PDB file of N, CA and C in Angstrom:
ATOM      1  N   MET A   1      44.679 198.240  69.537  1.00  0.00           N
ATOM      2  CA  MET A   1      45.037 199.383  70.360  1.00  0.00           C
ATOM      3  C   MET A   1      46.510 199.752  70.165  1.00  0.00           C
ATOM      4  N   LEU A   2      47.348 198.734  70.014  1.00  0.00           N
ATOM      5  CA  LEU A   2      48.765 199.011  69.777  1.00  0.00           C
ATOM      6  C   LEU A   2      48.958 199.699  68.432  1.00  0.00           C
ATOM      7  N   GLY A   3      48.238 199.251  67.417  1.00  0.00           N
ATOM      8  CA  GLY A   3      48.313 199.884  66.102  1.00  0.00           C
ATOM      9  C   GLY A   3      47.882 201.342  66.163  1.00  0.00           C
ATOM     10  N   SER A   4      46.811 201.626  66.895  1.00  0.00           N
ATOM     11  CA  SER A   4      46.348 203.010  67.043  1.00  0.00           C
ATOM     12  C   SER A   4      47.367 203.862  67.784  1.00  0.00           C
ATOM     13  N   THR A   5      48.002 203.277  68.783  1.00  0.00           N
ATOM     14  CA  THR A   5      49.022 204.014  69.539  1.00  0.00           C
ATOM     15  C   THR A   5      50.216 204.348  68.650  1.00  0.00           C
ATOM     16  N   LEU A   6      50.680 203.371  67.885  1.00  0.00           N
ATOM     17  CA  LEU A   6      51.817 203.625  66.992  1.00  0.00           C
ATOM     18  C   LEU A   6      51.444 204.613  65.893  1.00  0.00           C
ATOM     19  N   ALA A   7      50.214 204.514  65.380  1.00  0.00           N
ATOM     20  CA  ALA A   7      49.770 205.473  64.360  1.00  0.00           C
ATOM     21  C   ALA A   7      49.702 206.882  64.945  1.00  0.00           C
ATOM     22  N   PHE A   8      49.271 207.004  66.188  1.00  0.00           N
ATOM     23  CA  PHE A   8      49.236 208.309  66.844  1.00  0.00           C
ATOM     24  C   PHE A   8      50.651 208.881  66.948  1.00  0.00           C
ATOM     25  N   ILE A   9      51.590 208.047  67.376  1.00  0.00           N
ATOM     26  CA  ILE A   9      52.981 208.502  67.504  1.00  0.00           C
ATOM     27  C   ILE A   9      53.528 208.897  66.137  1.00  0.00           C
ATOM     28  N   GLN A  10      53.250 208.100  65.127  1.00  0.00           N
ATOM     29  CA  GLN A  10      53.726 208.405  63.781  1.00  0.00           C
ATOM     30  C   GLN A  10      53.161 209.745  63.298  1.00  0.00           C
ATOM     31  N   ASN A  11      51.874 209.957  63.470  1.00  0.00           N
ATOM     32  CA  ASN A  11      51.234 211.179  62.979  1.00  0.00           C
ATOM     33  C   ASN A  11      51.603 212.418  63.777  1.00  0.00           C
ATOM     34  N   ASN A  12      51.936 212.244  65.043  1.00  0.00           N
ATOM     35  CA  ASN A  12      52.191 213.389  65.917  1.00  0.00           C
ATOM     36  C   ASN A  12      53.642 213.503  66.361  1.00  0.00           C
ATOM     37  N   PHE A  13      54.525 212.738  65.755  1.00  0.00           N
ATOM     38  CA  PHE A  13      55.931 212.734  66.160  1.00  0.00           C
ATOM     39  C   PHE A  13      56.524 214.145  66.156  1.00  0.00           C
ATOM     40  N   SER A  14      56.268 214.898  65.113  1.00  0.00           N
ATOM     41  CA  SER A  14      56.870 216.227  65.005  1.00  0.00           C
ATOM     42  C   SER A  14      56.319 217.194  66.045  1.00  0.00           C
ATOM     43  N   TYR A  15      55.125 216.913  66.598  1.00  0.00           N
ATOM     44  CA  TYR A  15      54.564 217.758  67.649  1.00  0.00           C
ATOM     45  C   TYR A  15      55.022 217.305  69.036  1.00  0.00           C
ATOM     46  N   MET A  16      55.318 216.024  69.149  1.00  0.00           N
ATOM     47  CA  MET A  16      55.791 215.488  70.419  1.00  0.00           C
ATOM     48  C   MET A  16      57.264 215.812  70.646  1.00  0.00           C
ATOM     49  N   PHE A  17      58.045 215.797  69.585  1.00  0.00           N
ATOM     50  CA  PHE A  17      59.487 216.022  69.666  1.00  0.00           C
ATOM     51  C   PHE A  17      59.867 217.133  68.701  1.00  0.00           C
ATOM     52  N   LYS A  18      59.601 218.357  69.103  1.00  0.00           N
ATOM     53  CA  LYS A  18      59.789 219.514  68.216  1.00  0.00           C
ATOM     54  C   LYS A  18      61.242 219.734  67.811  1.00  0.00           C
ATOM     55  N   ASN A  19      62.171 219.225  68.590  1.00  0.00           N
ATOM     56  CA  ASN A  19      63.593 219.389  68.269  1.00  0.00           C
ATOM     57  C   ASN A  19      64.090 218.368  67.250  1.00  0.00           C
ATOM     58  N   HIS A  20      63.232 217.447  66.868  1.00  0.00           N
ATOM     59  CA  HIS A  20      63.646 216.375  65.953  1.00  0.00           C
ATOM     60  C   HIS A  20      62.748 216.318  64.721  1.00  0.00           C
ATOM     61  N   GLN A  21      62.449 217.458  64.143  1.00  0.00           N
ATOM     62  CA  GLN A  21      61.577 217.534  62.965  1.00  0.00           C
ATOM     63  C   GLN A  21      62.095 216.697  61.797  1.00  0.00           C
ATOM     64  N   GLU A  22      63.396 216.649  61.648  1.00  0.00           N
ATOM     65  CA  GLU A  22      63.980 215.945  60.501  1.00  0.00           C
ATOM     66  C   GLU A  22      63.793 214.431  60.576  1.00  0.00           C
ATOM     67  N   LEU A  23      63.427 213.913  61.756  1.00  0.00           N
ATOM     68  CA  LEU A  23      63.269 212.466  61.917  1.00  0.00           C
ATOM     69  C   LEU A  23      61.870 211.960  61.583  1.00  0.00           C
ATOM     70  N   LYS A  24      60.924 212.864  61.359  1.00  0.00           N
ATOM     71  CA  LYS A  24      59.548 212.415  61.177  1.00  0.00           C
ATOM     72  C   LYS A  24      59.378 211.498  59.966  1.00  0.00           C
ATOM     73  N   TYR A  25      60.166 211.705  58.938  1.00  0.00           N
ATOM     74  CA  TYR A  25      60.058 210.834  57.753  1.00  0.00           C
ATOM     75  C   TYR A  25      60.637 209.447  58.027  1.00  0.00           C
ATOM     76  N   TYR A  26      61.646 209.375  58.868  1.00  0.00           N
ATOM     77  CA  TYR A  26      62.190 208.079  59.264  1.00  0.00           C
ATOM     78  C   TYR A  26      61.202 207.315  60.140  1.00  0.00           C
ATOM     79  N   VAL A  27      60.491 208.050  60.977  1.00  0.00           N
ATOM     80  CA  VAL A  27      59.474 207.428  61.822  1.00  0.00           C
ATOM     81  C   VAL A  27      58.396 206.789  60.950  1.00  0.00           C
ATOM     82  N   VAL A  28      58.021 207.461  59.873  1.00  0.00           N
ATOM     83  CA  VAL A  28      57.045 206.895  58.940  1.00  0.00           C
ATOM     84  C   VAL A  28      57.583 205.594  58.347  1.00  0.00           C
ATOM     85  N   LEU A  29      58.841 205.592  57.942  1.00  0.00           N
ATOM     86  CA  LEU A  29      59.429 204.390  57.347  1.00  0.00           C
ATOM     87  C   LEU A  29      59.544 203.251  58.357  1.00  0.00           C
ATOM     88  N   VAL A  30      59.907 203.583  59.585  1.00  0.00           N
ATOM     89  CA  VAL A  30      60.114 202.557  60.608  1.00  0.00           C
ATOM     90  C   VAL A  30      58.788 202.000  61.119  1.00  0.00           C
ATOM     91  N   LEU A  31      57.793 202.861  61.337  1.00  0.00           N
ATOM     92  CA  LEU A  31      56.542 202.404  61.923  1.00  0.00           C
ATOM     93  C   LEU A  31      55.488 201.986  60.902  1.00  0.00           C
ATOM     94  N   GLY A  32      55.670 202.371  59.645  1.00  0.00           N
ATOM     95  CA  GLY A  32      54.655 202.090  58.637  1.00  0.00           C
ATOM     96  C   GLY A  32      54.317 200.617  58.504  1.00  0.00           C
ATOM     97  N   ILE A  33      55.317 199.771  58.389  1.00  0.00           N
ATOM     98  CA  ILE A  33      55.065 198.338  58.211  1.00  0.00           C
ATOM     99  C   ILE A  33      54.487 197.702  59.479  1.00  0.00           C
ATOM    100  N   PRO A  34      55.039 197.970  60.665  1.00  0.00           N
ATOM    101  CA  PRO A  34      54.406 197.378  61.863  1.00  0.00           C
ATOM    102  C   PRO A  34      52.954 197.832  62.071  1.00  0.00           C
ATOM    103  N   ILE A  35      52.668 199.107  61.817  1.00  0.00           N
ATOM    104  CA  ILE A  35      51.292 199.587  61.959  1.00  0.00           C
ATOM    105  C   ILE A  35      50.383 198.871  60.974  1.00  0.00           C
ATOM    106  N   SER A  36      50.813 198.769  59.727  1.00  0.00           N
ATOM    107  CA  SER A  36      50.005 198.090  58.711  1.00  0.00           C
ATOM    108  C   SER A  36      49.773 196.638  59.086  1.00  0.00           C
ATOM    109  N   TYR A  37      50.798 195.963  59.569  1.00  0.00           N
ATOM    110  CA  TYR A  37      50.668 194.565  59.967  1.00  0.00           C
ATOM    111  C   TYR A  37      49.688 194.428  61.136  1.00  0.00           C
ATOM    112  N   LEU A  38      49.802 195.309  62.141  1.00  0.00           N
ATOM    113  CA  LEU A  38      48.902 195.248  63.286  1.00  0.00           C
ATOM    114  C   LEU A  38      47.458 195.480  62.870  1.00  0.00           C
ATOM    115  N   PHE A  39      47.227 196.459  61.992  1.00  0.00           N
ATOM    116  CA  PHE A  39      45.868 196.710  61.527  1.00  0.00           C
ATOM    117  C   PHE A  39      45.344 195.543  60.696  1.00  0.00           C
ATOM    118  N   LEU A  40      46.176 194.989  59.833  1.00  0.00           N
ATOM    119  CA  LEU A  40      45.764 193.845  59.018  1.00  0.00           C
ATOM    120  C   LEU A  40      45.439 192.638  59.893  1.00  0.00           C
ATOM    121  N   PHE A  41      46.295 192.340  60.851  1.00  0.00           N
ATOM    122  CA  PHE A  41      46.087 191.225  61.773  1.00  0.00           C
ATOM    123  C   PHE A  41      44.780 191.423  62.550  1.00  0.00           C
ATOM    124  N   SER A  42      44.563 192.638  63.055  1.00  0.00           N
ATOM    125  CA  SER A  42      43.348 192.932  63.822  1.00  0.00           C
ATOM    126  C   SER A  42      42.113 192.809  62.945  1.00  0.00           C
ATOM    127  N   TRP A  43      42.193 193.361  61.736  1.00  0.00           N
ATOM    128  CA  TRP A  43      41.058 193.301  60.809  1.00  0.00           C
ATOM    129  C   TRP A  43      40.706 191.839  60.499  1.00  0.00           C
ATOM    130  N   ASP A  44      41.732 191.035  60.179  1.00  0.00           N
ATOM    131  CA  ASP A  44      41.487 189.622  59.880  1.00  0.00           C
ATOM    132  C   ASP A  44      40.854 188.905  61.060  1.00  0.00           C
ATOM    133  N   TYR A  45      41.339 189.185  62.260  1.00  0.00           N
ATOM    134  CA  TYR A  45      40.800 188.538  63.463  1.00  0.00           C
ATOM    135  C   TYR A  45      39.328 188.895  63.659  1.00  0.00           C
ATOM    136  N   ILE A  46      39.003 190.187  63.556  1.00  0.00           N
ATOM    137  CA  ILE A  46      37.616 190.618  63.744  1.00  0.00           C
ATOM    138  C   ILE A  46      36.720 190.035  62.648  1.00  0.00           C
ATOM    139  N   MET A  47      37.204 190.020  61.406  1.00  0.00           N
ATOM    140  CA  MET A  47      36.417 189.458  60.305  1.00  0.00           C
ATOM    141  C   MET A  47      36.156 187.969  60.529  1.00  0.00           C
ATOM    142  N   GLN A  48      37.147 187.221  61.005  1.00  0.00           N
ATOM    143  CA  GLN A  48      36.960 185.800  61.256  1.00  0.00           C
ATOM    144  C   GLN A  48      35.971 185.556  62.394  1.00  0.00           C
ATOM    145  N   GLU A  49      36.022 186.421  63.411  1.00  0.00           N
ATOM    146  CA  GLU A  49      35.131 186.252  64.560  1.00  0.00           C
ATOM    147  C   GLU A  49      33.708 186.697  64.279  1.00  0.00           C
ATOM    148  N   THR A  50      33.534 187.742  63.464  1.00  0.00           N
ATOM    149  CA  THR A  50      32.203 188.323  63.281  1.00  0.00           C
ATOM    150  C   THR A  50      31.652 188.164  61.870  1.00  0.00           C
ATOM    151  N   ASN A  51      32.515 187.919  60.906  1.00  0.00           N
ATOM    152  CA  ASN A  51      32.116 187.818  59.500  1.00  0.00           C
ATOM    153  C   ASN A  51      31.407 189.087  59.023  1.00  0.00           C
ATOM    154  N   SER A  52      31.894 190.245  59.503  1.00  0.00           N
ATOM    155  CA  SER A  52      31.258 191.509  59.143  1.00  0.00           C
ATOM    156  C   SER A  52      32.299 192.622  59.047  1.00  0.00           C
ATOM    157  N   ALA A  53      32.417 193.196  57.845  1.00  0.00           N
ATOM    158  CA  ALA A  53      33.335 194.326  57.671  1.00  0.00           C
ATOM    159  C   ALA A  53      32.839 195.552  58.441  1.00  0.00           C
ATOM    160  N   TRP A  54      31.516 195.693  58.560  1.00  0.00           N
ATOM    161  CA  TRP A  54      30.967 196.824  59.303  1.00  0.00           C
ATOM    162  C   TRP A  54      31.372 196.746  60.773  1.00  0.00           C
ATOM    163  N   THR A  55      31.316 195.566  61.341  1.00  0.00           N
ATOM    164  CA  THR A  55      31.726 195.408  62.737  1.00  0.00           C
ATOM    165  C   THR A  55      33.189 195.760  62.898  1.00  0.00           C
ATOM    166  N   ALA A  56      34.028 195.281  61.993  1.00  0.00           N
ATOM    167  CA  ALA A  56      35.455 195.593  62.065  1.00  0.00           C
ATOM    168  C   ALA A  56      35.674 197.099  61.970  1.00  0.00           C
ATOM    169  N   LYS A  57      35.014 197.744  61.028  1.00  0.00           N
ATOM    170  CA  LYS A  57      35.182 199.182  60.839  1.00  0.00           C
ATOM    171  C   LYS A  57      34.763 199.963  62.081  1.00  0.00           C
ATOM    172  N   PHE A  58      33.591 199.654  62.623  1.00  0.00           N
ATOM    173  CA  PHE A  58      33.111 200.391  63.785  1.00  0.00           C
ATOM    174  C   PHE A  58      33.941 200.096  65.033  1.00  0.00           C
ATOM    175  N   LEU A  59      34.415 198.863  65.184  1.00  0.00           N
ATOM    176  CA  LEU A  59      35.303 198.566  66.319  1.00  0.00           C
ATOM    177  C   LEU A  59      36.616 199.331  66.201  1.00  0.00           C
ATOM    178  N   PHE A  60      37.182 199.376  65.002  1.00  0.00           N
ATOM    179  CA  PHE A  60      38.408 200.158  64.784  1.00  0.00           C
ATOM    180  C   PHE A  60      38.178 201.619  65.150  1.00  0.00           C
ATOM    181  N   PHE A  61      37.072 202.172  64.657  1.00  0.00           N
ATOM    182  CA  PHE A  61      36.752 203.569  64.937  1.00  0.00           C
ATOM    183  C   PHE A  61      36.575 203.802  66.431  1.00  0.00           C
ATOM    184  N   GLY A  62      35.761 202.982  67.065  1.00  0.00           N
ATOM    185  CA  GLY A  62      35.474 203.172  68.484  1.00  0.00           C
ATOM    186  C   GLY A  62      36.708 203.053  69.353  1.00  0.00           C
ATOM    187  N   LEU A  63      37.521 202.027  69.113  1.00  0.00           N
ATOM    188  CA  LEU A  63      38.735 201.849  69.912  1.00  0.00           C
ATOM    189  C   LEU A  63      39.737 202.968  69.679  1.00  0.00           C
ATOM    190  N   SER A  64      39.867 203.415  68.433  1.00  0.00           N
ATOM    191  CA  SER A  64      40.828 204.488  68.175  1.00  0.00           C
ATOM    192  C   SER A  64      40.376 205.789  68.826  1.00  0.00           C
ATOM    193  N   TYR A  65      39.064 206.014  68.877  1.00  0.00           N
ATOM    194  CA  TYR A  65      38.578 207.248  69.493  1.00  0.00           C
ATOM    195  C   TYR A  65      38.695 207.196  71.010  1.00  0.00           C
ATOM    196  N   ILE A  66      38.658 206.014  71.599  1.00  0.00           N
ATOM    197  CA  ILE A  66      38.893 205.897  73.036  1.00  0.00           C
ATOM    198  C   ILE A  66      40.375 206.109  73.346  1.00  0.00           C
ATOM    199  N   MET A  67      41.239 205.621  72.478  1.00  0.00           N
ATOM    200  CA  MET A  67      42.687 205.761  72.702  1.00  0.00           C
ATOM    201  C   MET A  67      43.162 207.194  72.496  1.00  0.00           C
ATOM    202  N   PHE A  68      42.600 207.895  71.521  1.00  0.00           N
ATOM    203  CA  PHE A  68      43.114 209.205  71.148  1.00  0.00           C
ATOM    204  C   PHE A  68      43.132 210.216  72.296  1.00  0.00           C
ATOM    205  N   PRO A  69      42.063 210.402  73.064  1.00  0.00           N
ATOM    206  CA  PRO A  69      42.129 211.390  74.148  1.00  0.00           C
ATOM    207  C   PRO A  69      43.210 211.076  75.188  1.00  0.00           C
ATOM    208  N   VAL A  70      43.392 209.798  75.471  1.00  0.00           N
ATOM    209  CA  VAL A  70      44.428 209.403  76.438  1.00  0.00           C
ATOM    210  C   VAL A  70      45.811 209.737  75.890  1.00  0.00           C
ATOM    211  N   LEU A  71      46.051 209.380  74.641  1.00  0.00           N
ATOM    212  CA  LEU A  71      47.350 209.647  74.025  1.00  0.00           C
ATOM    213  C   LEU A  71      47.596 211.143  73.865  1.00  0.00           C
ATOM    214  N   ALA A  72      46.577 211.890  73.461  1.00  0.00           N
ATOM    215  CA  ALA A  72      46.729 213.344  73.312  1.00  0.00           C
ATOM    216  C   ALA A  72      47.026 213.995  74.659  1.00  0.00           C
ATOM    217  N   TYR A  73      46.441 213.471  75.716  1.00  0.00           N
ATOM    218  CA  TYR A  73      46.687 214.007  77.054  1.00  0.00           C
ATOM    219  C   TYR A  73      48.135 213.766  77.489  1.00  0.00           C
ATOM    220  N   PHE A  74      48.610 212.537  77.324  1.00  0.00           N
ATOM    221  CA  PHE A  74      49.950 212.199  77.796  1.00  0.00           C
ATOM    222  C   PHE A  74      51.068 212.726  76.901  1.00  0.00           C
ATOM    223  N   PHE A  75      50.866 212.684  75.594  1.00  0.00           N
ATOM    224  CA  PHE A  75      51.948 213.053  74.691  1.00  0.00           C
ATOM    225  C   PHE A  75      51.905 214.502  74.214  1.00  0.00           C
ATOM    226  N   LEU A  76      50.722 215.090  74.151  1.00  0.00           N
ATOM    227  CA  LEU A  76      50.605 216.454  73.615  1.00  0.00           C
ATOM    228  C   LEU A  76      50.088 217.461  74.637  1.00  0.00           C
ATOM    229  N   ASN A  77      49.852 216.987  75.861  1.00  0.00           N
ATOM    230  CA  ASN A  77      49.337 217.831  76.941  1.00  0.00           C
ATOM    231  C   ASN A  77      48.025 218.521  76.569  1.00  0.00           C
ATOM    232  N   GLU A  78      47.188 217.842  75.797  1.00  0.00           N
ATOM    233  CA  GLU A  78      45.871 218.359  75.444  1.00  0.00           C
ATOM    234  C   GLU A  78      44.842 217.718  76.365  1.00  0.00           C
ATOM    235  N   SER A  79      44.028 218.527  76.965  1.00  0.00           N
ATOM    236  CA  SER A  79      43.059 218.043  77.934  1.00  0.00           C
ATOM    237  C   SER A  79      41.909 217.299  77.264  1.00  0.00           C
ATOM    238  N   PRO A  80      41.634 216.077  77.726  1.00  0.00           N
ATOM    239  CA  PRO A  80      40.460 215.362  77.227  1.00  0.00           C
ATOM    240  C   PRO A  80      39.219 215.684  78.051  1.00  0.00           C
ATOM    241  N   PHE A  81      39.366 216.547  79.046  1.00  0.00           N
ATOM    242  CA  PHE A  81      38.284 216.821  79.986  1.00  0.00           C
ATOM    243  C   PHE A  81      37.397 217.957  79.503  1.00  0.00           C
ATOM    244  N   THR A  82      36.738 217.707  78.375  1.00  0.00           N
ATOM    245  CA  THR A  82      35.784 218.658  77.823  1.00  0.00           C
ATOM    246  C   THR A  82      34.483 217.912  77.550  1.00  0.00           C
ATOM    247  N   LEU A  83      33.407 218.632  77.511  1.00  0.00           N
ATOM    248  CA  LEU A  83      32.112 218.011  77.243  1.00  0.00           C
ATOM    249  C   LEU A  83      32.107 217.311  75.888  1.00  0.00           C
ATOM    250  N   LYS A  84      32.724 217.949  74.900  1.00  0.00           N
ATOM    251  CA  LYS A  84      32.788 217.372  73.550  1.00  0.00           C
ATOM    252  C   LYS A  84      33.500 216.020  73.573  1.00  0.00           C
ATOM    253  N   THR A  85      34.599 215.926  74.303  1.00  0.00           N
ATOM    254  CA  THR A  85      35.351 214.670  74.374  1.00  0.00           C
ATOM    255  C   THR A  85      34.587 213.617  75.160  1.00  0.00           C
ATOM    256  N   TYR A  86      33.988 214.015  76.270  1.00  0.00           N
ATOM    257  CA  TYR A  86      33.192 213.055  77.055  1.00  0.00           C
ATOM    258  C   TYR A  86      32.083 212.436  76.212  1.00  0.00           C
ATOM    259  N   ILE A  87      31.354 213.275  75.495  1.00  0.00           N
ATOM    260  CA  ILE A  87      30.252 212.781  74.664  1.00  0.00           C
ATOM    261  C   ILE A  87      30.783 211.875  73.555  1.00  0.00           C
ATOM    262  N   SER A  88      31.870 212.259  72.926  1.00  0.00           N
ATOM    263  CA  SER A  88      32.433 211.456  71.831  1.00  0.00           C
ATOM    264  C   SER A  88      32.938 210.110  72.328  1.00  0.00           C
ATOM    265  N   VAL A  89      33.610 210.085  73.469  1.00  0.00           N
ATOM    266  CA  VAL A  89      34.091 208.820  74.032  1.00  0.00           C
ATOM    267  C   VAL A  89      32.901 207.945  74.426  1.00  0.00           C
ATOM    268  N   PHE A  90      31.892 208.555  75.032  1.00  0.00           N
ATOM    269  CA  PHE A  90      30.687 207.804  75.395  1.00  0.00           C
ATOM    270  C   PHE A  90      30.054 207.173  74.151  1.00  0.00           C
ATOM    271  N   LEU A  91      29.914 207.953  73.093  1.00  0.00           N
ATOM    272  CA  LEU A  91      29.330 207.423  71.857  1.00  0.00           C
ATOM    273  C   LEU A  91      30.198 206.322  71.249  1.00  0.00           C
ATOM    274  N   SER A  92      31.505 206.448  71.361  1.00  0.00           N
ATOM    275  CA  SER A  92      32.406 205.394  70.874  1.00  0.00           C
ATOM    276  C   SER A  92      32.194 204.102  71.646  1.00  0.00           C
ATOM    277  N   ILE A  93      32.023 204.227  72.948  1.00  0.00           N
ATOM    278  CA  ILE A  93      31.759 203.034  73.769  1.00  0.00           C
ATOM    279  C   ILE A  93      30.423 202.412  73.376  1.00  0.00           C
ATOM    280  N   VAL A  94      29.427 203.235  73.124  1.00  0.00           N
ATOM    281  CA  VAL A  94      28.125 202.729  72.678  1.00  0.00           C
ATOM    282  C   VAL A  94      28.272 201.999  71.339  1.00  0.00           C
ATOM    283  N   ILE A  95      29.020 202.571  70.417  1.00  0.00           N
ATOM    284  CA  ILE A  95      29.249 201.920  69.111  1.00  0.00           C
ATOM    285  C   ILE A  95      29.913 200.563  69.297  1.00  0.00           C
ATOM    286  N   ILE A  96      30.935 200.504  70.150  1.00  0.00           N
ATOM    287  CA  ILE A  96      31.626 199.238  70.399  1.00  0.00           C
ATOM    288  C   ILE A  96      30.664 198.210  70.997  1.00  0.00           C
ATOM    289  N   LEU A  97      29.876 198.631  71.976  1.00  0.00           N
ATOM    290  CA  LEU A  97      28.924 197.692  72.611  1.00  0.00           C
ATOM    291  C   LEU A  97      27.869 197.204  71.619  1.00  0.00           C
ATOM    292  N   ILE A  98      27.379 198.095  70.764  1.00  0.00           N
ATOM    293  CA  ILE A  98      26.398 197.692  69.751  1.00  0.00           C
ATOM    294  C   ILE A  98      27.003 196.646  68.817  1.00  0.00           C
ATOM    295  N   GLN A  99      28.223 196.880  68.350  1.00  0.00           N
ATOM    296  CA  GLN A  99      28.860 195.953  67.416  1.00  0.00           C
ATOM    297  C   GLN A  99      29.236 194.646  68.098  1.00  0.00           C
ATOM    298  N   TRP A 100      29.555 194.713  69.366  1.00  0.00           N
ATOM    299  CA  TRP A 100      30.001 193.515  70.090  1.00  0.00           C
ATOM    300  C   TRP A 100      28.830 192.672  70.559  1.00  0.00           C
ATOM    301  N   LYS A 101      27.771 193.311  71.017  1.00  0.00           N
ATOM    302  CA  LYS A 101      26.684 192.586  71.652  1.00  0.00           C
ATOM    303  C   LYS A 101      25.491 192.266  70.742  1.00  0.00           C
ATOM    304  N   LEU A 102      25.255 193.057  69.698  1.00  0.00           N
ATOM    305  CA  LEU A 102      24.068 192.790  68.870  1.00  0.00           C
ATOM    306  C   LEU A 102      24.386 191.899  67.686  1.00  0.00           C
TER     307      LEU A 102
END
């Protein structure tokens, strides 16, 4: 979740801080290694626990899709309160439960 949050900030920095467009490339340099490390650490942990790349992939997808509406709401003032978002978040939760429980 931390990796997804930092990746969101990295990708949307120029939209969050419109007065600091020139810093977006520095943000990539500063956050790139920590994000990669967090994703690698998480991937290794899930692979060791489940022995399945598919489980890791779907968990990454599901968790990132749950985080995105919250982050978009707080940082970009985009409303997550739409039918499309509700259905997508619900399906992400279903994907996570399927990968975790089956």
